[in-house]
Amino acid sequence: MTVTMELSARAAYVAAMGNAPTAVSVVAVGGTDGPVAQTVSALSSVSADPPTLLVCVNRRSPLCGQAAAAGYFSVNLLAASQAEISETFAGRSDRPYDFRTARWEVGCTGAPVLGGAAATFECVLAEAIDAATHVILLGRVLSCTSSAQTPLVHHARSYATPTPLEKK
């Protein structure tokens, strides 16, 4: 798709970012009113020493306030078979934000941890940084797991899986 200059700067930006493949994760936190989770596609490693990651969450999401109040959260990197879970926690299913649509356990921090995920990270909130329409949550990783599951990727407004390149 070629983006022309007639598009607004925002539309051009959104179209261009659609070409950036991103891992799909669900960020979750427990809370006094029950658990809250949100699908996110902005996840990045910050440092291995100490293990730290960041996720970006829309500031309108109840997850932001709950993560700040609780002081912890989990990041659950979805497996390729978990696209329906992504839709649920993005609010785009017939049972939006319903924890009964997946198998969850309580992790070491008290945050919900998703069963069958490609990877999970349990974090203590190190810092929350306001950034335009979103909040950047910096998490100090206390515990993590990984599996042989292929991760779910979002690219060009569709779900996909990474395909290894052939070695020459």
N, C-alpha and C. Protein backbone atom coordinates (compact mmCIF):
# COMPACT_ATOMS: atom_id res chain seq x y z
N MET A 1 0.85 -1.18 0.00
CA MET A 1 0.00 0.00 0.00
C MET A 1 0.89 1.23 0.00
N THR A 2 0.65 2.13 -0.90
CA THR A 2 1.39 3.38 -0.96
C THR A 2 0.57 4.46 -0.28
N VAL A 3 1.18 5.16 0.64
CA VAL A 3 0.49 6.24 1.35
C VAL A 3 0.85 7.54 0.66
N THR A 4 -0.17 8.28 0.30
CA THR A 4 0.07 9.55 -0.39
C THR A 4 0.00 10.69 0.61
N MET A 5 0.42 11.86 0.17
CA MET A 5 0.46 13.02 1.04
C MET A 5 -0.93 13.56 1.37
N GLU A 6 -2.01 13.10 0.66
CA GLU A 6 -3.34 13.59 0.99
C GLU A 6 -3.78 13.15 2.39
N LEU A 7 -3.24 12.05 2.86
CA LEU A 7 -3.62 11.56 4.17
C LEU A 7 -3.10 12.51 5.25
N SER A 8 -3.84 12.59 6.33
CA SER A 8 -3.38 13.40 7.44
C SER A 8 -2.12 12.77 8.01
N ALA A 9 -1.39 13.54 8.78
CA ALA A 9 -0.17 13.03 9.39
C ALA A 9 -0.48 11.83 10.28
N ARG A 10 -1.61 11.86 11.03
CA ARG A 10 -1.97 10.75 11.89
C ARG A 10 -2.27 9.51 11.07
N ALA A 11 -3.06 9.65 10.01
CA ALA A 11 -3.42 8.50 9.17
C ALA A 11 -2.18 7.92 8.50
N ALA A 12 -1.27 8.79 8.05
CA ALA A 12 -0.04 8.31 7.43
C ALA A 12 0.81 7.54 8.44
N TYR A 13 0.87 8.06 9.66
CA TYR A 13 1.63 7.39 10.72
C TYR A 13 1.04 6.03 11.03
N VAL A 14 -0.29 5.96 11.20
CA VAL A 14 -0.95 4.69 11.51
C VAL A 14 -0.72 3.69 10.37
N ALA A 15 -0.82 4.12 9.13
CA ALA A 15 -0.59 3.23 8.00
C ALA A 15 0.85 2.73 7.96
N ALA A 16 1.80 3.62 8.20
CA ALA A 16 3.20 3.22 8.19
C ALA A 16 3.52 2.25 9.34
N MET A 17 2.98 2.52 10.54
CA MET A 17 3.22 1.63 11.67
C MET A 17 2.56 0.27 11.47
N GLY A 18 1.52 0.21 10.64
CA GLY A 18 0.90 -1.06 10.32
C GLY A 18 1.86 -2.02 9.63
N ASN A 19 2.92 -1.49 9.05
CA ASN A 19 3.93 -2.33 8.41
C ASN A 19 4.96 -2.88 9.39
N ALA A 20 4.91 -2.42 10.64
CA ALA A 20 5.86 -2.89 11.65
C ALA A 20 5.25 -4.11 12.35
N PRO A 21 5.79 -5.29 12.11
CA PRO A 21 5.26 -6.45 12.82
C PRO A 21 5.58 -6.34 14.30
N THR A 22 4.59 -6.66 15.13
CA THR A 22 4.77 -6.58 16.57
C THR A 22 4.25 -7.83 17.25
N ALA A 23 4.88 -8.18 18.34
CA ALA A 23 4.40 -9.29 19.15
C ALA A 23 3.11 -8.87 19.82
N VAL A 24 2.21 -9.82 20.06
CA VAL A 24 0.94 -9.53 20.72
C VAL A 24 1.00 -10.07 22.14
N SER A 25 0.72 -9.20 23.11
CA SER A 25 0.76 -9.58 24.52
C SER A 25 -0.50 -9.14 25.22
N VAL A 26 -0.79 -9.79 26.32
CA VAL A 26 -1.86 -9.35 27.21
C VAL A 26 -1.19 -8.99 28.53
N VAL A 27 -1.39 -7.75 28.95
CA VAL A 27 -0.88 -7.27 30.23
C VAL A 27 -2.00 -7.43 31.24
N ALA A 28 -1.69 -7.98 32.41
CA ALA A 28 -2.73 -8.26 33.41
C ALA A 28 -2.27 -7.83 34.80
N VAL A 29 -3.24 -7.46 35.61
CA VAL A 29 -2.98 -7.11 37.01
C VAL A 29 -4.18 -7.56 37.84
N GLY A 30 -3.90 -8.00 39.06
CA GLY A 30 -4.97 -8.30 39.99
C GLY A 30 -5.41 -7.00 40.62
N GLY A 31 -6.52 -7.02 41.29
CA GLY A 31 -6.95 -5.79 41.94
C GLY A 31 -8.05 -6.05 42.93
N THR A 32 -8.38 -5.03 43.69
CA THR A 32 -9.42 -5.18 44.71
C THR A 32 -10.78 -5.44 44.08
N ASP A 33 -11.00 -4.96 42.86
CA ASP A 33 -12.26 -5.19 42.15
C ASP A 33 -12.17 -6.36 41.18
N GLY A 34 -11.12 -7.15 41.30
CA GLY A 34 -10.93 -8.28 40.40
C GLY A 34 -9.84 -7.98 39.38
N PRO A 35 -9.43 -9.00 38.62
CA PRO A 35 -8.35 -8.81 37.67
C PRO A 35 -8.77 -7.98 36.46
N VAL A 36 -7.80 -7.31 35.87
CA VAL A 36 -7.98 -6.50 34.68
C VAL A 36 -6.87 -6.86 33.71
N ALA A 37 -7.18 -6.93 32.42
CA ALA A 37 -6.17 -7.22 31.42
C ALA A 37 -6.47 -6.46 30.14
N GLN A 38 -5.43 -6.22 29.35
CA GLN A 38 -5.55 -5.47 28.10
C GLN A 38 -4.56 -6.02 27.09
N THR A 39 -5.01 -6.22 25.86
CA THR A 39 -4.11 -6.60 24.78
C THR A 39 -3.26 -5.40 24.40
N VAL A 40 -1.95 -5.63 24.23
CA VAL A 40 -1.03 -4.57 23.80
C VAL A 40 -0.11 -5.12 22.73
N SER A 41 0.37 -4.23 21.88
CA SER A 41 1.36 -4.65 20.89
C SER A 41 2.68 -3.90 21.05
N ALA A 42 2.76 -3.06 22.06
CA ALA A 42 4.00 -2.33 22.31
C ALA A 42 4.69 -2.94 23.53
N LEU A 43 5.60 -3.84 23.28
CA LEU A 43 6.38 -4.53 24.30
C LEU A 43 7.84 -4.47 23.86
N SER A 44 8.71 -4.15 24.79
CA SER A 44 10.12 -4.08 24.43
C SER A 44 10.99 -4.41 25.63
N SER A 45 12.10 -5.05 25.36
CA SER A 45 13.12 -5.25 26.38
C SER A 45 13.82 -3.92 26.60
N VAL A 46 14.07 -3.60 27.85
CA VAL A 46 14.82 -2.38 28.19
C VAL A 46 16.24 -2.74 28.59
N SER A 47 16.38 -3.77 29.44
CA SER A 47 17.69 -4.13 29.96
C SER A 47 17.65 -5.57 30.46
N ALA A 48 18.79 -6.24 30.34
CA ALA A 48 18.93 -7.58 30.92
C ALA A 48 19.55 -7.51 32.32
N ASP A 49 20.10 -6.35 32.68
CA ASP A 49 20.77 -6.22 33.96
C ASP A 49 20.43 -4.88 34.60
N PRO A 50 19.45 -4.76 35.45
CA PRO A 50 18.54 -5.84 35.86
C PRO A 50 17.48 -6.06 34.78
N PRO A 51 16.88 -7.26 34.73
CA PRO A 51 15.87 -7.54 33.72
C PRO A 51 14.70 -6.55 33.83
N THR A 52 14.50 -5.78 32.77
CA THR A 52 13.48 -4.74 32.75
C THR A 52 12.84 -4.71 31.37
N LEU A 53 11.52 -4.53 31.34
CA LEU A 53 10.82 -4.41 30.07
C LEU A 53 9.88 -3.23 30.14
N LEU A 54 9.33 -2.87 28.97
CA LEU A 54 8.33 -1.82 28.94
C LEU A 54 7.15 -2.26 28.10
N VAL A 55 5.99 -1.78 28.48
CA VAL A 55 4.77 -1.94 27.68
C VAL A 55 4.08 -0.59 27.65
N CYS A 56 3.37 -0.32 26.56
CA CYS A 56 2.61 0.91 26.44
C CYS A 56 1.13 0.58 26.48
N VAL A 57 0.40 1.28 27.36
CA VAL A 57 -1.02 1.02 27.57
C VAL A 57 -1.77 2.34 27.42
N ASN A 58 -2.88 2.32 26.69
CA ASN A 58 -3.69 3.51 26.54
C ASN A 58 -4.13 3.99 27.92
N ARG A 59 -3.97 5.27 28.17
CA ARG A 59 -4.25 5.82 29.50
C ARG A 59 -5.71 5.69 29.90
N ARG A 60 -6.63 5.47 28.93
CA ARG A 60 -8.05 5.28 29.27
C ARG A 60 -8.34 3.88 29.80
N SER A 61 -7.40 2.97 29.63
CA SER A 61 -7.60 1.60 30.10
C SER A 61 -7.57 1.57 31.63
N PRO A 62 -8.49 0.83 32.24
CA PRO A 62 -8.45 0.70 33.71
C PRO A 62 -7.17 0.01 34.19
N LEU A 63 -6.47 -0.65 33.28
CA LEU A 63 -5.22 -1.32 33.63
C LEU A 63 -4.18 -0.35 34.19
N CYS A 64 -4.12 0.86 33.64
CA CYS A 64 -3.12 1.84 34.10
C CYS A 64 -3.27 2.13 35.59
N GLY A 65 -4.47 2.48 36.01
CA GLY A 65 -4.70 2.79 37.41
C GLY A 65 -4.50 1.59 38.32
N GLN A 66 -4.94 0.42 37.88
CA GLN A 66 -4.79 -0.79 38.70
C GLN A 66 -3.32 -1.17 38.85
N ALA A 67 -2.54 -1.05 37.76
CA ALA A 67 -1.11 -1.39 37.84
C ALA A 67 -0.40 -0.44 38.79
N ALA A 68 -0.75 0.84 38.72
CA ALA A 68 -0.13 1.82 39.63
C ALA A 68 -0.51 1.54 41.08
N ALA A 69 -1.77 1.21 41.32
CA ALA A 69 -2.22 0.94 42.68
C ALA A 69 -1.62 -0.35 43.23
N ALA A 70 -1.57 -1.39 42.40
CA ALA A 70 -1.06 -2.69 42.86
C ALA A 70 0.46 -2.71 42.95
N GLY A 71 1.12 -2.02 42.00
CA GLY A 71 2.58 -2.01 41.99
C GLY A 71 3.19 -3.21 41.28
N TYR A 72 2.39 -3.96 40.55
CA TYR A 72 2.88 -5.12 39.81
C TYR A 72 1.99 -5.38 38.61
N PHE A 73 2.48 -6.18 37.67
CA PHE A 73 1.69 -6.61 36.51
C PHE A 73 2.39 -7.79 35.86
N SER A 74 1.66 -8.49 35.00
CA SER A 74 2.27 -9.55 34.20
C SER A 74 2.15 -9.18 32.73
N VAL A 75 3.10 -9.66 31.95
CA VAL A 75 3.04 -9.53 30.50
C VAL A 75 3.06 -10.94 29.95
N ASN A 76 2.04 -11.26 29.15
CA ASN A 76 1.86 -12.61 28.64
C ASN A 76 1.96 -12.57 27.12
N LEU A 77 3.09 -13.02 26.59
CA LEU A 77 3.33 -13.04 25.15
C LEU A 77 2.50 -14.17 24.56
N LEU A 78 1.52 -13.82 23.74
CA LEU A 78 0.59 -14.82 23.25
C LEU A 78 1.23 -15.78 22.25
N ALA A 79 0.78 -17.03 22.31
CA ALA A 79 1.17 -18.05 21.34
C ALA A 79 0.29 -17.89 20.11
N ALA A 80 0.73 -18.44 18.99
CA ALA A 80 0.01 -18.32 17.72
C ALA A 80 -1.42 -18.83 17.84
N SER A 81 -1.65 -19.79 18.71
CA SER A 81 -2.99 -20.37 18.88
C SER A 81 -3.90 -19.50 19.76
N GLN A 82 -3.44 -18.35 20.22
CA GLN A 82 -4.19 -17.55 21.19
C GLN A 82 -4.74 -16.23 20.63
N ALA A 83 -5.00 -16.19 19.32
CA ALA A 83 -5.55 -14.97 18.71
C ALA A 83 -6.89 -14.60 19.32
N GLU A 84 -7.70 -15.59 19.67
CA GLU A 84 -9.00 -15.32 20.28
C GLU A 84 -8.84 -14.62 21.63
N ILE A 85 -7.80 -14.97 22.36
CA ILE A 85 -7.53 -14.31 23.65
C ILE A 85 -7.16 -12.85 23.40
N SER A 86 -6.40 -12.60 22.35
CA SER A 86 -6.06 -11.22 21.99
C SER A 86 -7.32 -10.42 21.72
N GLU A 87 -8.23 -10.97 20.95
CA GLU A 87 -9.48 -10.28 20.63
C GLU A 87 -10.31 -10.03 21.90
N THR A 88 -10.34 -11.01 22.79
CA THR A 88 -11.10 -10.87 24.04
C THR A 88 -10.59 -9.69 24.85
N PHE A 89 -9.27 -9.58 25.01
CA PHE A 89 -8.72 -8.54 25.88
C PHE A 89 -8.42 -7.24 25.13
N ALA A 90 -8.79 -7.22 23.85
CA ALA A 90 -8.81 -5.96 23.09
C ALA A 90 -10.23 -5.40 23.08
N GLY A 91 -11.18 -6.18 23.65
CA GLY A 91 -12.57 -5.75 23.70
C GLY A 91 -13.33 -6.01 22.42
N ARG A 92 -12.78 -6.90 21.56
CA ARG A 92 -13.40 -7.15 20.26
C ARG A 92 -13.99 -8.57 20.15
N SER A 93 -14.59 -9.05 21.20
CA SER A 93 -15.20 -10.38 21.14
C SER A 93 -16.60 -10.30 21.74
N ASP A 94 -17.32 -11.42 21.67
CA ASP A 94 -18.65 -11.43 22.28
C ASP A 94 -18.58 -11.52 23.81
N ARG A 95 -17.39 -11.78 24.35
CA ARG A 95 -17.17 -11.80 25.81
C ARG A 95 -15.95 -10.95 26.13
N PRO A 96 -16.01 -9.64 25.89
CA PRO A 96 -14.82 -8.79 26.09
C PRO A 96 -14.33 -8.80 27.53
N TYR A 97 -13.02 -8.87 27.66
CA TYR A 97 -12.32 -8.78 28.95
C TYR A 97 -12.74 -9.87 29.95
N ASP A 98 -13.23 -10.98 29.45
CA ASP A 98 -13.73 -12.07 30.30
C ASP A 98 -12.59 -13.06 30.59
N PHE A 99 -12.15 -13.11 31.83
CA PHE A 99 -11.05 -13.99 32.22
C PHE A 99 -11.41 -15.47 32.09
N ARG A 100 -12.70 -15.78 32.02
CA ARG A 100 -13.11 -17.18 31.89
C ARG A 100 -12.85 -17.74 30.49
N THR A 101 -12.42 -16.91 29.55
CA THR A 101 -12.15 -17.38 28.19
C THR A 101 -10.77 -18.00 28.06
N ALA A 102 -10.00 -18.02 29.12
CA ALA A 102 -8.64 -18.58 29.09
C ALA A 102 -8.30 -19.17 30.44
N ARG A 103 -7.18 -19.90 30.48
CA ARG A 103 -6.71 -20.50 31.73
C ARG A 103 -5.68 -19.56 32.37
N TRP A 104 -6.02 -19.03 33.53
CA TRP A 104 -5.15 -18.10 34.24
C TRP A 104 -4.74 -18.71 35.57
N GLU A 105 -3.54 -18.37 36.01
CA GLU A 105 -3.04 -18.76 37.33
C GLU A 105 -2.58 -17.49 38.03
N VAL A 106 -2.43 -17.54 39.33
CA VAL A 106 -1.90 -16.40 40.07
C VAL A 106 -0.40 -16.59 40.19
N GLY A 107 0.34 -15.59 39.73
CA GLY A 107 1.79 -15.67 39.76
C GLY A 107 2.39 -15.23 41.08
N CYS A 108 3.70 -15.17 41.13
CA CYS A 108 4.41 -14.84 42.37
C CYS A 108 4.15 -13.42 42.85
N THR A 109 3.78 -12.52 41.94
CA THR A 109 3.49 -11.15 42.35
C THR A 109 2.03 -10.95 42.72
N GLY A 110 1.20 -11.93 42.38
CA GLY A 110 -0.24 -11.80 42.56
C GLY A 110 -0.94 -11.46 41.27
N ALA A 111 -0.17 -11.18 40.22
CA ALA A 111 -0.75 -10.87 38.92
C ALA A 111 -1.24 -12.15 38.24
N PRO A 112 -2.31 -12.07 37.46
CA PRO A 112 -2.74 -13.21 36.67
C PRO A 112 -1.70 -13.53 35.60
N VAL A 113 -1.42 -14.83 35.43
CA VAL A 113 -0.46 -15.30 34.42
C VAL A 113 -1.20 -16.27 33.51
N LEU A 114 -1.09 -16.07 32.21
CA LEU A 114 -1.83 -16.83 31.22
C LEU A 114 -1.18 -18.18 30.92
N GLY A 115 -1.95 -19.25 31.05
CA GLY A 115 -1.47 -20.57 30.69
C GLY A 115 -1.34 -20.71 29.18
N GLY A 116 -0.33 -21.46 28.74
CA GLY A 116 -0.15 -21.73 27.31
C GLY A 116 0.49 -20.61 26.52
N ALA A 117 0.92 -19.55 27.19
CA ALA A 117 1.55 -18.42 26.49
C ALA A 117 2.93 -18.80 25.97
N ALA A 118 3.41 -18.09 24.97
CA ALA A 118 4.76 -18.31 24.44
C ALA A 118 5.81 -17.90 25.47
N ALA A 119 5.49 -16.87 26.25
CA ALA A 119 6.37 -16.42 27.33
C ALA A 119 5.54 -15.61 28.31
N THR A 120 5.97 -15.60 29.56
CA THR A 120 5.32 -14.76 30.57
C THR A 120 6.40 -14.02 31.36
N PHE A 121 6.05 -12.83 31.80
CA PHE A 121 6.95 -12.00 32.60
C PHE A 121 6.14 -11.45 33.77
N GLU A 122 6.61 -11.66 34.98
CA GLU A 122 5.97 -11.08 36.16
C GLU A 122 6.85 -9.93 36.63
N CYS A 123 6.22 -8.77 36.75
CA CYS A 123 6.98 -7.55 36.98
C CYS A 123 6.49 -6.76 38.18
N VAL A 124 7.43 -6.08 38.83
CA VAL A 124 7.12 -5.04 39.78
C VAL A 124 7.20 -3.73 39.01
N LEU A 125 6.22 -2.87 39.20
CA LEU A 125 6.20 -1.60 38.49
C LEU A 125 7.35 -0.73 38.98
N ALA A 126 8.28 -0.43 38.08
CA ALA A 126 9.42 0.42 38.43
C ALA A 126 9.10 1.89 38.20
N GLU A 127 8.33 2.16 37.13
CA GLU A 127 7.99 3.54 36.81
C GLU A 127 6.86 3.55 35.80
N ALA A 128 6.01 4.56 35.88
CA ALA A 128 4.95 4.80 34.90
C ALA A 128 5.21 6.18 34.31
N ILE A 129 5.34 6.24 32.99
CA ILE A 129 5.71 7.48 32.32
C ILE A 129 4.59 7.89 31.37
N ASP A 130 4.06 9.11 31.54
CA ASP A 130 3.05 9.62 30.62
C ASP A 130 3.68 9.89 29.27
N ALA A 131 3.02 9.43 28.21
CA ALA A 131 3.52 9.64 26.85
C ALA A 131 2.32 9.79 25.91
N ALA A 132 1.91 11.03 25.67
CA ALA A 132 0.78 11.34 24.79
C ALA A 132 -0.47 10.61 25.26
N THR A 133 -1.07 9.76 24.42
CA THR A 133 -2.31 9.07 24.78
C THR A 133 -2.07 7.82 25.60
N HIS A 134 -0.82 7.48 25.85
CA HIS A 134 -0.48 6.23 26.52
C HIS A 134 0.36 6.45 27.77
N VAL A 135 0.49 5.38 28.54
CA VAL A 135 1.37 5.35 29.69
C VAL A 135 2.37 4.22 29.44
N ILE A 136 3.64 4.54 29.61
CA ILE A 136 4.69 3.52 29.48
C ILE A 136 4.91 2.93 30.86
N LEU A 137 4.66 1.64 30.97
CA LEU A 137 4.90 0.93 32.22
C LEU A 137 6.26 0.26 32.14
N LEU A 138 7.18 0.66 33.00
CA LEU A 138 8.48 0.00 33.10
C LEU A 138 8.38 -1.03 34.20
N GLY A 139 8.68 -2.27 33.86
CA GLY A 139 8.56 -3.34 34.84
C GLY A 139 9.87 -4.03 35.10
N ARG A 140 10.24 -4.16 36.37
CA ARG A 140 11.40 -4.94 36.77
C ARG A 140 10.94 -6.38 36.83
N VAL A 141 11.53 -7.25 36.02
CA VAL A 141 11.08 -8.63 35.89
C VAL A 141 11.58 -9.45 37.08
N LEU A 142 10.64 -10.04 37.81
CA LEU A 142 10.97 -10.90 38.94
C LEU A 142 11.01 -12.37 38.54
N SER A 143 10.18 -12.72 37.58
CA SER A 143 10.05 -14.11 37.17
C SER A 143 9.62 -14.13 35.70
N CYS A 144 10.15 -15.08 34.95
CA CYS A 144 9.70 -15.23 33.57
C CYS A 144 9.79 -16.69 33.15
N THR A 145 8.97 -17.03 32.16
CA THR A 145 8.98 -18.37 31.59
C THR A 145 8.95 -18.24 30.08
N SER A 146 9.40 -19.27 29.41
CA SER A 146 9.26 -19.31 27.96
C SER A 146 8.92 -20.74 27.56
N SER A 147 8.30 -20.87 26.41
CA SER A 147 7.91 -22.18 25.91
C SER A 147 8.35 -22.31 24.46
N ALA A 148 8.11 -23.46 23.89
CA ALA A 148 8.45 -23.69 22.49
C ALA A 148 7.34 -23.20 21.56
N GLN A 149 6.30 -22.58 22.13
CA GLN A 149 5.18 -22.08 21.32
C GLN A 149 5.65 -20.98 20.38
N THR A 150 5.13 -20.98 19.16
CA THR A 150 5.39 -19.90 18.21
C THR A 150 4.58 -18.69 18.65
N PRO A 151 5.19 -17.51 18.71
CA PRO A 151 4.45 -16.33 19.17
C PRO A 151 3.47 -15.80 18.12
N LEU A 152 2.45 -15.12 18.61
CA LEU A 152 1.48 -14.45 17.76
C LEU A 152 2.02 -13.07 17.41
N VAL A 153 1.90 -12.69 16.15
CA VAL A 153 2.40 -11.41 15.66
C VAL A 153 1.24 -10.66 15.02
N HIS A 154 1.27 -9.34 15.11
CA HIS A 154 0.29 -8.50 14.42
C HIS A 154 1.02 -7.71 13.35
N HIS A 155 0.50 -7.79 12.12
CA HIS A 155 1.12 -7.08 10.99
C HIS A 155 0.04 -6.76 9.97
N ALA A 156 0.01 -5.53 9.50
CA ALA A 156 -0.92 -5.09 8.46
C ALA A 156 -2.37 -5.41 8.84
N ARG A 157 -2.71 -5.14 10.10
CA ARG A 157 -4.07 -5.32 10.62
C ARG A 157 -4.54 -6.77 10.62
N SER A 158 -3.58 -7.70 10.67
CA SER A 158 -3.91 -9.13 10.70
C SER A 158 -2.96 -9.85 11.65
N TYR A 159 -3.40 -10.99 12.13
CA TYR A 159 -2.54 -11.84 12.93
C TYR A 159 -1.69 -12.69 12.00
N ALA A 160 -0.47 -12.99 12.45
CA ALA A 160 0.46 -13.78 11.67
C ALA A 160 1.39 -14.52 12.63
N THR A 161 2.26 -15.32 12.06
CA THR A 161 3.31 -15.95 12.83
C THR A 161 4.63 -15.70 12.13
N PRO A 162 5.71 -15.61 12.88
CA PRO A 162 7.01 -15.40 12.24
C PRO A 162 7.42 -16.65 11.46
N THR A 163 8.03 -16.43 10.32
CA THR A 163 8.52 -17.53 9.50
C THR A 163 10.04 -17.40 9.39
N PRO A 164 10.78 -18.40 9.83
CA PRO A 164 12.25 -18.31 9.72
C PRO A 164 12.68 -18.23 8.26
N LEU A 165 13.71 -17.45 8.02
CA LEU A 165 14.30 -17.38 6.68
C LEU A 165 15.12 -18.62 6.42
N GLU A 166 15.17 -19.03 5.16
CA GLU A 166 16.00 -20.19 4.81
C GLU A 166 17.46 -19.78 4.90
N LYS A 167 18.27 -20.69 5.45
CA LYS A 167 19.70 -20.42 5.54
C LYS A 167 20.33 -20.71 4.21
N LYS A 168 21.28 -19.88 3.83
CA LYS A 168 21.96 -20.05 2.54
C LYS A 168 23.25 -20.79 2.73
